[in-house]
Amino acid sequence: MTKNMKRFACVFALVLTVALGAFAFFGAARFTAQAAGASGNGSASPADVTLGAATRGVVFYTAAINADGTIASCFNCDSTNTFALGTGEYQVDFGTNVQATNGFSRWVQADTLTTGSEASFCDTADRGGDANAVWINCQNAAGASTNTSFFLFVAR
């Protein structure tokens, strides 16, 4: 091995070690922050889950929800049980059991529903006390609850 090849191998090993260390540090910090977060939808352990039914990726339900919790558009929603619960928290009801343990996967995309950009993010969970609904939690970049419009997709 030439002197330049040895130098390259040492530099590569150093860069790889620093990158892996940074990934481990920031990944652990993010997980700790997420696990410590409070939820207005009840508390659930971050334990592993085994789903009772498979999810296949076929979209059954969709919703476009305004920042105030009103429905902009919805496919198979129960409009009487779809609303804002509080700042940044929403319930979207589909009138049938859409819990993850039944194989339903849910994803949400913060969106202006028009032009421009949305500087927030949202996540989903089973709605505590209502198996027919999805709980949506939206936050701004600082991690504070914020009202935002979004698209919701429910598939199985």
N, C-alpha and C. Protein backbone atom coordinates (compact mmCIF):
# COMPACT_ATOMS: atom_id res chain seq x y z
N MET A 1 0.85 -1.17 0.00
CA MET A 1 0.00 0.00 0.00
C MET A 1 0.90 1.22 0.00
N THR A 2 0.62 2.17 -0.89
CA THR A 2 1.44 3.38 -0.98
C THR A 2 1.13 4.32 0.17
N LYS A 3 2.02 5.31 0.32
CA LYS A 3 1.86 6.29 1.39
C LYS A 3 0.56 7.07 1.22
N ASN A 4 0.21 7.45 -0.01
CA ASN A 4 -1.03 8.19 -0.26
C ASN A 4 -2.26 7.33 0.02
N MET A 5 -2.18 6.05 -0.29
CA MET A 5 -3.31 5.16 -0.02
C MET A 5 -3.51 5.01 1.48
N LYS A 6 -2.41 4.91 2.24
CA LYS A 6 -2.52 4.82 3.70
C LYS A 6 -3.12 6.09 4.27
N ARG A 7 -2.69 7.24 3.76
CA ARG A 7 -3.21 8.53 4.23
C ARG A 7 -4.72 8.61 3.92
N PHE A 8 -5.12 8.21 2.73
CA PHE A 8 -6.53 8.23 2.36
C PHE A 8 -7.34 7.31 3.27
N ALA A 9 -6.82 6.12 3.55
CA ALA A 9 -7.53 5.17 4.42
C ALA A 9 -7.69 5.74 5.82
N CYS A 10 -6.67 6.41 6.34
CA CYS A 10 -6.76 7.01 7.68
C CYS A 10 -7.77 8.15 7.70
N VAL A 11 -7.75 9.02 6.70
CA VAL A 11 -8.71 10.13 6.62
C VAL A 11 -10.13 9.59 6.48
N PHE A 12 -10.31 8.60 5.64
CA PHE A 12 -11.63 8.00 5.45
C PHE A 12 -12.15 7.40 6.75
N ALA A 13 -11.30 6.68 7.47
CA ALA A 13 -11.70 6.08 8.74
C ALA A 13 -12.08 7.15 9.76
N LEU A 14 -11.32 8.24 9.80
CA LEU A 14 -11.62 9.33 10.73
C LEU A 14 -12.96 9.99 10.39
N VAL A 15 -13.19 10.29 9.12
CA VAL A 15 -14.44 10.90 8.69
C VAL A 15 -15.62 9.97 9.00
N LEU A 16 -15.46 8.70 8.72
CA LEU A 16 -16.52 7.73 8.99
C LEU A 16 -16.82 7.65 10.49
N THR A 17 -15.80 7.65 11.32
CA THR A 17 -15.99 7.59 12.77
C THR A 17 -16.73 8.82 13.27
N VAL A 18 -16.34 10.01 12.80
CA VAL A 18 -17.02 11.24 13.22
C VAL A 18 -18.47 11.23 12.75
N ALA A 19 -18.72 10.83 11.51
CA ALA A 19 -20.09 10.81 10.98
C ALA A 19 -20.96 9.84 11.76
N LEU A 20 -20.47 8.65 12.05
CA LEU A 20 -21.25 7.67 12.81
C LEU A 20 -21.50 8.15 14.24
N GLY A 21 -20.52 8.79 14.84
CA GLY A 21 -20.70 9.33 16.19
C GLY A 21 -21.76 10.43 16.22
N ALA A 22 -21.72 11.33 15.23
CA ALA A 22 -22.72 12.40 15.15
C ALA A 22 -24.10 11.82 14.93
N PHE A 23 -24.20 10.83 14.05
CA PHE A 23 -25.49 10.19 13.80
C PHE A 23 -26.04 9.56 15.07
N ALA A 24 -25.19 8.85 15.80
CA ALA A 24 -25.63 8.20 17.04
C ALA A 24 -26.06 9.23 18.07
N PHE A 25 -25.30 10.32 18.20
CA PHE A 25 -25.63 11.35 19.20
C PHE A 25 -26.93 12.05 18.86
N PHE A 26 -27.08 12.55 17.63
CA PHE A 26 -28.28 13.29 17.27
C PHE A 26 -29.49 12.38 17.15
N GLY A 27 -29.31 11.16 16.70
CA GLY A 27 -30.43 10.21 16.64
C GLY A 27 -30.95 9.89 18.03
N ALA A 28 -30.05 9.68 18.98
CA ALA A 28 -30.47 9.39 20.35
C ALA A 28 -31.14 10.60 20.97
N ALA A 29 -30.62 11.80 20.71
CA ALA A 29 -31.23 13.01 21.26
C ALA A 29 -32.64 13.21 20.70
N ARG A 30 -32.83 12.94 19.42
CA ARG A 30 -34.15 13.09 18.83
C ARG A 30 -35.12 12.07 19.41
N PHE A 31 -34.68 10.82 19.57
CA PHE A 31 -35.55 9.80 20.14
C PHE A 31 -35.94 10.16 21.57
N THR A 32 -34.98 10.63 22.36
CA THR A 32 -35.26 11.01 23.74
C THR A 32 -36.26 12.14 23.79
N ALA A 33 -36.12 13.14 22.92
CA ALA A 33 -37.05 14.26 22.90
C ALA A 33 -38.45 13.79 22.50
N GLN A 34 -38.55 12.89 21.53
CA GLN A 34 -39.85 12.40 21.11
C GLN A 34 -40.49 11.55 22.20
N ALA A 35 -39.71 10.69 22.85
CA ALA A 35 -40.26 9.80 23.86
C ALA A 35 -40.71 10.58 25.09
N ALA A 36 -40.07 11.74 25.36
CA ALA A 36 -40.41 12.52 26.54
C ALA A 36 -41.60 13.45 26.30
N GLY A 37 -42.02 13.59 25.04
CA GLY A 37 -43.09 14.53 24.71
C GLY A 37 -44.42 14.14 25.32
N ALA A 38 -45.19 15.15 25.70
CA ALA A 38 -46.52 14.90 26.26
C ALA A 38 -47.52 14.75 25.13
N SER A 39 -48.61 14.03 25.41
CA SER A 39 -49.63 13.81 24.40
C SER A 39 -50.99 14.14 24.97
N GLY A 40 -51.79 14.88 24.22
CA GLY A 40 -53.15 15.17 24.62
C GLY A 40 -54.10 14.05 24.23
N ASN A 41 -53.55 12.96 23.75
CA ASN A 41 -54.36 11.82 23.30
C ASN A 41 -54.16 10.61 24.21
N GLY A 42 -53.70 10.84 25.42
CA GLY A 42 -53.40 9.74 26.32
C GLY A 42 -51.94 9.39 26.23
N SER A 43 -51.49 8.52 27.10
CA SER A 43 -50.08 8.14 27.07
C SER A 43 -49.97 6.69 26.67
N ALA A 44 -49.02 6.43 25.83
CA ALA A 44 -48.76 5.06 25.37
C ALA A 44 -47.28 4.79 25.49
N SER A 45 -46.95 3.61 25.86
CA SER A 45 -45.56 3.20 25.98
C SER A 45 -44.96 3.07 24.58
N PRO A 46 -43.68 3.44 24.42
CA PRO A 46 -43.04 3.27 23.11
C PRO A 46 -42.62 1.83 22.86
N ALA A 47 -43.31 0.88 23.48
CA ALA A 47 -42.98 -0.54 23.30
C ALA A 47 -43.27 -1.00 21.88
N ASP A 48 -42.67 -2.10 21.50
CA ASP A 48 -42.94 -2.68 20.18
C ASP A 48 -44.39 -3.11 20.09
N VAL A 49 -44.94 -2.99 18.88
CA VAL A 49 -46.34 -3.32 18.63
C VAL A 49 -46.39 -4.42 17.58
N THR A 50 -47.30 -5.35 17.75
CA THR A 50 -47.58 -6.35 16.72
C THR A 50 -48.98 -6.08 16.21
N LEU A 51 -49.10 -5.79 14.92
CA LEU A 51 -50.40 -5.49 14.34
C LEU A 51 -51.21 -6.76 14.15
N GLY A 52 -52.51 -6.66 14.41
CA GLY A 52 -53.39 -7.81 14.28
C GLY A 52 -53.78 -8.11 12.85
N ALA A 53 -53.54 -7.18 11.94
CA ALA A 53 -53.86 -7.38 10.53
C ALA A 53 -52.79 -6.70 9.69
N ALA A 54 -52.55 -7.22 8.52
CA ALA A 54 -51.52 -6.67 7.63
C ALA A 54 -51.98 -5.38 6.99
N THR A 55 -51.04 -4.50 6.73
CA THR A 55 -51.33 -3.29 5.96
C THR A 55 -50.76 -3.48 4.56
N ARG A 56 -51.56 -3.20 3.55
CA ARG A 56 -51.17 -3.48 2.17
C ARG A 56 -50.92 -2.22 1.33
N GLY A 57 -51.32 -1.06 1.85
CA GLY A 57 -51.06 0.19 1.14
C GLY A 57 -52.16 0.65 0.21
N VAL A 58 -53.36 0.08 0.32
CA VAL A 58 -54.49 0.53 -0.49
C VAL A 58 -55.22 1.62 0.28
N VAL A 59 -55.31 2.82 -0.31
CA VAL A 59 -55.93 3.96 0.37
C VAL A 59 -57.45 3.79 0.39
N PHE A 60 -58.04 3.83 1.59
CA PHE A 60 -59.48 3.71 1.77
C PHE A 60 -60.13 5.05 2.12
N TYR A 61 -59.41 5.89 2.83
CA TYR A 61 -59.99 7.15 3.32
C TYR A 61 -58.98 8.27 3.14
N THR A 62 -59.50 9.46 2.81
CA THR A 62 -58.66 10.65 2.70
C THR A 62 -59.42 11.84 3.26
N ALA A 63 -58.66 12.83 3.69
CA ALA A 63 -59.27 14.05 4.19
C ALA A 63 -58.32 15.23 3.96
N ALA A 64 -58.91 16.37 3.65
CA ALA A 64 -58.18 17.64 3.62
C ALA A 64 -58.86 18.49 4.70
N ILE A 65 -58.09 18.86 5.71
CA ILE A 65 -58.64 19.55 6.87
C ILE A 65 -58.04 20.95 6.97
N ASN A 66 -58.90 21.94 7.18
CA ASN A 66 -58.46 23.32 7.37
C ASN A 66 -57.84 23.49 8.76
N ALA A 67 -57.06 24.55 8.93
CA ALA A 67 -56.37 24.81 10.19
C ALA A 67 -57.34 24.92 11.37
N ASP A 68 -58.58 25.35 11.12
CA ASP A 68 -59.55 25.48 12.22
C ASP A 68 -60.30 24.16 12.49
N GLY A 69 -59.94 23.08 11.79
CA GLY A 69 -60.54 21.78 12.02
C GLY A 69 -61.74 21.47 11.14
N THR A 70 -62.16 22.42 10.32
CA THR A 70 -63.28 22.16 9.41
C THR A 70 -62.78 21.35 8.21
N ILE A 71 -63.69 20.65 7.58
CA ILE A 71 -63.36 19.80 6.45
C ILE A 71 -63.31 20.63 5.17
N ALA A 72 -62.16 20.60 4.49
CA ALA A 72 -62.06 21.23 3.17
C ALA A 72 -62.58 20.26 2.12
N SER A 73 -62.25 18.98 2.29
CA SER A 73 -62.71 17.91 1.41
C SER A 73 -62.46 16.60 2.15
N CYS A 74 -63.32 15.61 1.89
CA CYS A 74 -63.14 14.36 2.60
C CYS A 74 -63.80 13.22 1.85
N PHE A 75 -63.14 12.07 1.84
CA PHE A 75 -63.69 10.87 1.25
C PHE A 75 -63.95 9.87 2.37
N ASN A 76 -65.22 9.59 2.64
CA ASN A 76 -65.68 8.67 3.68
C ASN A 76 -65.51 9.20 5.10
N CYS A 77 -65.53 10.52 5.30
CA CYS A 77 -65.45 11.09 6.65
C CYS A 77 -66.82 11.13 7.32
N ASP A 78 -66.81 11.08 8.64
CA ASP A 78 -67.98 11.36 9.45
C ASP A 78 -67.83 12.83 9.88
N SER A 79 -68.50 13.73 9.18
CA SER A 79 -68.29 15.16 9.40
C SER A 79 -68.74 15.62 10.78
N THR A 80 -69.67 14.91 11.42
CA THR A 80 -70.12 15.33 12.75
C THR A 80 -69.08 15.03 13.83
N ASN A 81 -68.15 14.13 13.55
CA ASN A 81 -67.12 13.78 14.53
C ASN A 81 -65.72 14.12 14.05
N THR A 82 -65.62 15.07 13.13
CA THR A 82 -64.32 15.55 12.64
C THR A 82 -64.19 17.01 13.01
N PHE A 83 -63.17 17.33 13.83
CA PHE A 83 -63.04 18.70 14.34
C PHE A 83 -61.69 18.90 15.02
N ALA A 84 -61.41 20.17 15.36
CA ALA A 84 -60.21 20.50 16.14
C ALA A 84 -60.50 20.21 17.60
N LEU A 85 -59.53 19.60 18.27
CA LEU A 85 -59.65 19.29 19.70
C LEU A 85 -59.05 20.41 20.55
N GLY A 86 -58.10 21.10 20.00
CA GLY A 86 -57.37 22.17 20.68
C GLY A 86 -56.29 22.65 19.75
N THR A 87 -55.42 23.51 20.22
CA THR A 87 -54.36 24.05 19.38
C THR A 87 -53.49 22.92 18.84
N GLY A 88 -53.48 22.77 17.52
CA GLY A 88 -52.64 21.77 16.86
C GLY A 88 -53.12 20.33 16.99
N GLU A 89 -54.25 20.08 17.59
CA GLU A 89 -54.76 18.73 17.76
C GLU A 89 -56.11 18.58 17.07
N TYR A 90 -56.25 17.49 16.31
CA TYR A 90 -57.45 17.27 15.52
C TYR A 90 -57.91 15.84 15.65
N GLN A 91 -59.19 15.64 15.39
CA GLN A 91 -59.79 14.31 15.30
C GLN A 91 -60.47 14.23 13.95
N VAL A 92 -60.12 13.21 13.17
CA VAL A 92 -60.79 12.96 11.89
C VAL A 92 -61.42 11.58 12.00
N ASP A 93 -62.73 11.52 11.89
CA ASP A 93 -63.50 10.30 12.09
C ASP A 93 -63.96 9.76 10.73
N PHE A 94 -63.82 8.45 10.54
CA PHE A 94 -64.23 7.82 9.28
C PHE A 94 -65.41 6.88 9.45
N GLY A 95 -65.98 6.81 10.65
CA GLY A 95 -67.19 6.01 10.86
C GLY A 95 -66.97 4.51 10.88
N THR A 96 -65.73 4.08 10.84
CA THR A 96 -65.39 2.65 10.94
C THR A 96 -64.05 2.54 11.63
N ASN A 97 -63.76 1.40 12.20
CA ASN A 97 -62.54 1.21 12.97
C ASN A 97 -61.30 1.34 12.08
N VAL A 98 -60.51 2.39 12.33
CA VAL A 98 -59.30 2.65 11.54
C VAL A 98 -58.04 2.59 12.40
N GLN A 99 -58.08 1.76 13.44
CA GLN A 99 -56.92 1.65 14.32
C GLN A 99 -55.77 0.90 13.65
N ALA A 100 -54.57 1.26 14.04
CA ALA A 100 -53.38 0.63 13.47
C ALA A 100 -53.36 -0.87 13.70
N THR A 101 -53.86 -1.33 14.84
CA THR A 101 -53.85 -2.77 15.12
C THR A 101 -54.74 -3.55 14.17
N ASN A 102 -55.63 -2.87 13.47
CA ASN A 102 -56.46 -3.51 12.46
C ASN A 102 -55.83 -3.42 11.07
N GLY A 103 -54.57 -3.02 11.02
CA GLY A 103 -53.84 -2.98 9.76
C GLY A 103 -53.91 -1.66 9.01
N PHE A 104 -54.52 -0.63 9.62
CA PHE A 104 -54.60 0.66 8.95
C PHE A 104 -53.34 1.47 9.20
N SER A 105 -52.76 1.96 8.13
CA SER A 105 -51.63 2.88 8.25
C SER A 105 -52.17 4.27 7.92
N ARG A 106 -51.67 5.25 8.65
CA ARG A 106 -52.12 6.63 8.46
C ARG A 106 -50.91 7.51 8.23
N TRP A 107 -51.00 8.41 7.28
CA TRP A 107 -49.95 9.40 7.14
C TRP A 107 -50.59 10.74 6.87
N VAL A 108 -49.92 11.76 7.32
CA VAL A 108 -50.45 13.12 7.26
C VAL A 108 -49.38 14.03 6.69
N GLN A 109 -49.82 15.00 5.91
CA GLN A 109 -48.91 15.97 5.30
C GLN A 109 -49.45 17.36 5.58
N ALA A 110 -48.70 18.15 6.36
CA ALA A 110 -49.08 19.55 6.55
C ALA A 110 -49.04 20.22 5.18
N ASP A 111 -50.05 21.01 4.88
CA ASP A 111 -50.17 21.60 3.55
C ASP A 111 -51.05 22.84 3.64
N THR A 112 -50.74 23.86 2.88
CA THR A 112 -51.56 25.08 2.90
C THR A 112 -52.91 24.86 2.23
N LEU A 113 -53.04 23.79 1.46
CA LEU A 113 -54.23 23.50 0.65
C LEU A 113 -54.44 24.57 -0.42
N THR A 114 -53.42 25.36 -0.65
CA THR A 114 -53.40 26.39 -1.69
C THR A 114 -51.94 26.68 -2.00
N THR A 115 -51.60 27.85 -2.47
CA THR A 115 -50.20 28.17 -2.77
C THR A 115 -49.46 28.54 -1.49
N GLY A 116 -48.16 28.54 -1.57
CA GLY A 116 -47.33 28.91 -0.42
C GLY A 116 -46.74 27.67 0.23
N SER A 117 -46.18 27.87 1.41
CA SER A 117 -45.56 26.75 2.12
C SER A 117 -46.08 26.70 3.55
N GLU A 118 -46.00 25.54 4.13
CA GLU A 118 -46.47 25.30 5.50
C GLU A 118 -45.26 24.95 6.35
N ALA A 119 -44.95 25.78 7.33
CA ALA A 119 -43.76 25.59 8.17
C ALA A 119 -44.12 24.81 9.43
N SER A 120 -44.72 23.65 9.28
CA SER A 120 -45.07 22.82 10.42
C SER A 120 -45.08 21.37 9.98
N PHE A 121 -45.21 20.47 10.96
CA PHE A 121 -45.29 19.05 10.67
C PHE A 121 -46.35 18.44 11.57
N CYS A 122 -46.88 17.30 11.16
CA CYS A 122 -47.94 16.64 11.92
C CYS A 122 -47.65 15.15 12.00
N ASP A 123 -48.19 14.51 13.03
CA ASP A 123 -48.12 13.06 13.12
C ASP A 123 -49.49 12.52 13.51
N THR A 124 -49.65 11.21 13.48
CA THR A 124 -50.94 10.59 13.74
C THR A 124 -50.83 9.52 14.80
N ALA A 125 -51.98 9.15 15.35
CA ALA A 125 -52.09 8.03 16.29
C ALA A 125 -53.54 7.60 16.31
N ASP A 126 -53.80 6.43 16.90
CA ASP A 126 -55.17 6.03 17.17
C ASP A 126 -55.77 7.10 18.08
N ARG A 127 -57.04 7.42 17.90
CA ARG A 127 -57.70 8.39 18.77
C ARG A 127 -58.16 7.67 20.02
N GLY A 128 -57.65 8.07 21.16
CA GLY A 128 -58.05 7.47 22.43
C GLY A 128 -59.55 7.61 22.63
N GLY A 129 -60.25 6.50 22.86
CA GLY A 129 -61.68 6.54 23.13
C GLY A 129 -62.57 6.52 21.91
N ASP A 130 -61.99 6.55 20.69
CA ASP A 130 -62.80 6.53 19.47
C ASP A 130 -62.06 5.73 18.40
N ALA A 131 -62.37 4.45 18.28
CA ALA A 131 -61.68 3.57 17.33
C ALA A 131 -61.92 3.97 15.89
N ASN A 132 -62.92 4.79 15.62
CA ASN A 132 -63.24 5.21 14.25
C ASN A 132 -62.49 6.46 13.82
N ALA A 133 -61.70 7.03 14.71
CA ALA A 133 -61.06 8.31 14.42
C ALA A 133 -59.53 8.21 14.48
N VAL A 134 -58.91 9.13 13.79
CA VAL A 134 -57.45 9.29 13.82
C VAL A 134 -57.16 10.59 14.56
N TRP A 135 -56.17 10.56 15.44
CA TRP A 135 -55.73 11.75 16.17
C TRP A 135 -54.55 12.33 15.42
N ILE A 136 -54.59 13.63 15.16
CA ILE A 136 -53.52 14.32 14.45
C ILE A 136 -52.97 15.40 15.36
N ASN A 137 -51.65 15.45 15.47
CA ASN A 137 -50.95 16.43 16.29
C ASN A 137 -50.01 17.23 15.40
N CYS A 138 -50.16 18.56 15.36
CA CYS A 138 -49.33 19.41 14.51
C CYS A 138 -48.48 20.35 15.36
N GLN A 139 -47.22 20.53 14.94
CA GLN A 139 -46.29 21.39 15.66
C GLN A 139 -45.50 22.24 14.68
N ASN A 140 -45.00 23.37 15.18
CA ASN A 140 -44.14 24.21 14.37
C ASN A 140 -42.69 23.75 14.54
N ALA A 141 -41.76 24.43 13.88
CA ALA A 141 -40.36 24.03 13.92
C ALA A 141 -39.78 24.08 15.33
N ALA A 142 -40.33 24.92 16.20
CA ALA A 142 -39.85 25.01 17.58
C ALA A 142 -40.44 23.93 18.47
N GLY A 143 -41.36 23.12 17.94
CA GLY A 143 -41.97 22.04 18.70
C GLY A 143 -43.22 22.43 19.46
N ALA A 144 -43.72 23.64 19.22
CA ALA A 144 -44.94 24.10 19.90
C ALA A 144 -46.16 23.71 19.06
N SER A 145 -47.23 23.33 19.74
CA SER A 145 -48.48 23.00 19.04
C SER A 145 -48.93 24.20 18.22
N THR A 146 -49.38 23.91 16.99
CA THR A 146 -49.82 24.99 16.11
C THR A 146 -50.94 24.50 15.21
N ASN A 147 -51.89 25.36 14.95
CA ASN A 147 -52.97 25.03 14.02
C ASN A 147 -52.43 25.07 12.60
N THR A 148 -52.72 24.05 11.83
CA THR A 148 -52.27 24.00 10.45
C THR A 148 -53.25 23.16 9.63
N SER A 149 -53.34 23.43 8.36
CA SER A 149 -54.15 22.60 7.47
C SER A 149 -53.30 21.42 7.02
N PHE A 150 -53.97 20.34 6.62
CA PHE A 150 -53.22 19.14 6.27
C PHE A 150 -54.07 18.20 5.42
N PHE A 151 -53.37 17.26 4.78
CA PHE A 151 -53.99 16.12 4.11
C PHE A 151 -53.76 14.89 4.99
N LEU A 152 -54.76 14.02 5.08
CA LEU A 152 -54.65 12.77 5.83
C LEU A 152 -55.04 11.63 4.90
N PHE A 153 -54.26 10.57 4.92
CA PHE A 153 -54.52 9.37 4.12
C PHE A 153 -54.57 8.17 5.05
N VAL A 154 -55.54 7.29 4.87
CA VAL A 154 -55.67 6.08 5.67
C VAL A 154 -55.71 4.91 4.69
N ALA A 155 -54.78 3.97 4.86
CA ALA A 155 -54.67 2.84 3.94
C ALA A 155 -54.62 1.54 4.73
N ARG A 156 -54.85 0.46 4.02
CA ARG A 156 -54.69 -0.87 4.62
C ARG A 156 -54.27 -1.83 3.53
